C-alpha cells in the first residue's frame, strides 16, 4: 500500500516536471518563429491630445485613434467596432 502511494506521488512529480520542460521548450520555439522582437514596431507617441470616443466614452490619443469626419467635425474612435456602431446608429436615425 505504501509502495503504491509512493509510485503515485513519483508519477505526479514526474508529470509536473515534464509539463514544465515542455512549456519552456514551447515558449522557446514560439520565440524563434516570431519574425522580430516587439520593440521593432513603430511606437505610438505617448503625448498628444486625448479625445473622447462618442460610442463607448473611452479617451483615446488623437495619434492612435480611428478618425471619421462628419459634418466638418472630426470624430475619434478607439476601435473599428465603435466606429461601425456609430455609423450604424447614424443610418438608423436617418
Protein backbone atom coordinates (compact mmCIF):
# COMPACT_ATOMS: atom_id res chain seq x y z
CA UNK A 1 0.00 0.00 0.00
CA UNK A 2 2.78 2.42 0.91
CA UNK A 3 4.64 1.45 -2.26
CA UNK A 4 1.57 2.28 -4.42
CA UNK A 5 1.23 5.73 -2.80
CA UNK A 6 4.94 6.41 -3.38
CA UNK A 7 4.62 5.38 -7.03
CA UNK A 8 1.62 7.70 -7.48
CA UNK A 9 3.49 10.57 -5.82
CA UNK A 10 6.53 9.92 -8.03
CA UNK A 11 4.30 9.83 -11.12
CA UNK A 12 2.70 13.19 -10.21
CA UNK A 13 6.11 14.79 -9.67
CA UNK A 14 7.45 13.37 -12.94
CA UNK A 15 4.42 14.59 -14.90
CA UNK A 16 4.72 18.06 -13.35
CA UNK A 17 8.41 18.22 -14.22
CA UNK A 18 7.82 17.09 -17.81
CA UNK A 19 4.99 19.61 -18.31
CA UNK A 20 7.22 22.46 -17.18
CA UNK A 21 10.03 21.35 -19.51
CA UNK A 22 7.59 21.07 -22.43
CA UNK A 23 6.20 24.55 -21.62
CA UNK A 24 9.67 26.09 -21.59
CA UNK A 25 10.57 24.40 -24.88
CA UNK A 26 7.28 25.53 -26.44
CA UNK A 27 7.90 29.16 -25.49
CA UNK A 28 11.44 28.96 -26.82
CA UNK A 29 10.29 27.52 -30.15
CA UNK A 30 7.50 30.10 -30.42
CA UNK A 31 10.09 32.82 -29.84
CA UNK A 32 12.09 31.51 -32.77
CA UNK A 33 9.06 31.64 -35.07
CA UNK A 34 8.26 35.30 -34.36
CA UNK A 35 9.76 37.49 -37.11
CA UNK A 36 11.27 40.03 -34.74
CA UNK A 37 11.07 41.50 -31.28
CA UNK A 38 8.07 43.60 -30.38
CA UNK A 39 10.34 46.63 -29.99
CA UNK A 40 10.75 46.86 -33.79
CA UNK A 41 7.15 48.08 -34.13
CA UNK A 42 6.82 51.83 -34.55
CA UNK A 43 5.94 53.37 -31.19
CA UNK A 44 2.76 55.35 -30.69
CA UNK A 45 3.51 58.80 -29.39
CA UNK A 46 2.61 58.88 -25.68
CA UNK A 47 1.99 62.61 -25.75
CA UNK A 48 -0.67 64.49 -27.59
CA UNK A 49 -4.27 65.38 -27.19
CA UNK A 50 -6.90 62.95 -25.91
CA UNK A 51 -10.36 62.84 -27.43
CA UNK A 52 -13.44 61.03 -26.12
CA UNK A 53 -14.90 58.18 -28.17
CA UNK A 54 -18.58 59.14 -28.74
CA UNK A 55 -19.73 55.49 -28.53
CA UNK A 56 -18.01 53.93 -25.53
CA UNK A 57 -16.67 57.03 -23.80
CA UNK A 58 -13.03 55.93 -23.70
CA UNK A 59 -10.42 58.66 -24.07
CA UNK A 60 -8.07 57.88 -26.95
CA UNK A 61 -4.95 59.62 -28.23
CA UNK A 62 -5.51 61.56 -31.42
CA UNK A 63 -2.39 59.90 -32.85
CA UNK A 64 -3.73 56.38 -32.27
CA UNK A 65 -7.43 56.95 -32.93
CA UNK A 66 -9.53 55.98 -35.92
CA UNK A 67 -10.90 59.18 -37.38
CA UNK A 68 -14.22 59.88 -39.06
CA UNK A 69 -15.10 63.29 -40.47
CA UNK A 70 -18.79 64.07 -40.32
CA UNK A 71 -20.33 67.47 -40.91
CA UNK A 72 -16.94 69.17 -40.82
CA UNK A 73 -16.21 67.69 -37.39
CA UNK A 74 -13.51 65.07 -36.83
CA UNK A 75 -14.63 62.26 -34.53
CA UNK A 76 -12.08 59.98 -32.84
CA UNK A 77 -12.82 56.31 -32.14
CA UNK A 78 -10.91 53.75 -30.07
CA UNK A 79 -11.70 50.86 -32.41
CA UNK A 80 -13.28 49.94 -35.72
CA UNK A 81 -16.16 48.34 -33.81
CA UNK A 82 -17.05 51.65 -32.13
CA UNK A 83 -16.76 53.50 -35.43
CA UNK A 84 -19.06 50.98 -37.12
CA UNK A 85 -21.60 51.21 -34.27
CA UNK A 86 -21.61 54.98 -34.66
CA UNK A 87 -22.15 54.74 -38.42
CA UNK A 88 -24.96 52.18 -37.94
CA UNK A 89 -26.74 54.37 -35.37
CA UNK A 90 -26.48 57.37 -37.72
CA UNK A 91 -28.03 55.35 -40.56
CA UNK A 92 -30.89 54.21 -38.33
CA UNK A 93 -31.67 57.79 -37.31
CA UNK A 94 -31.77 58.98 -40.93
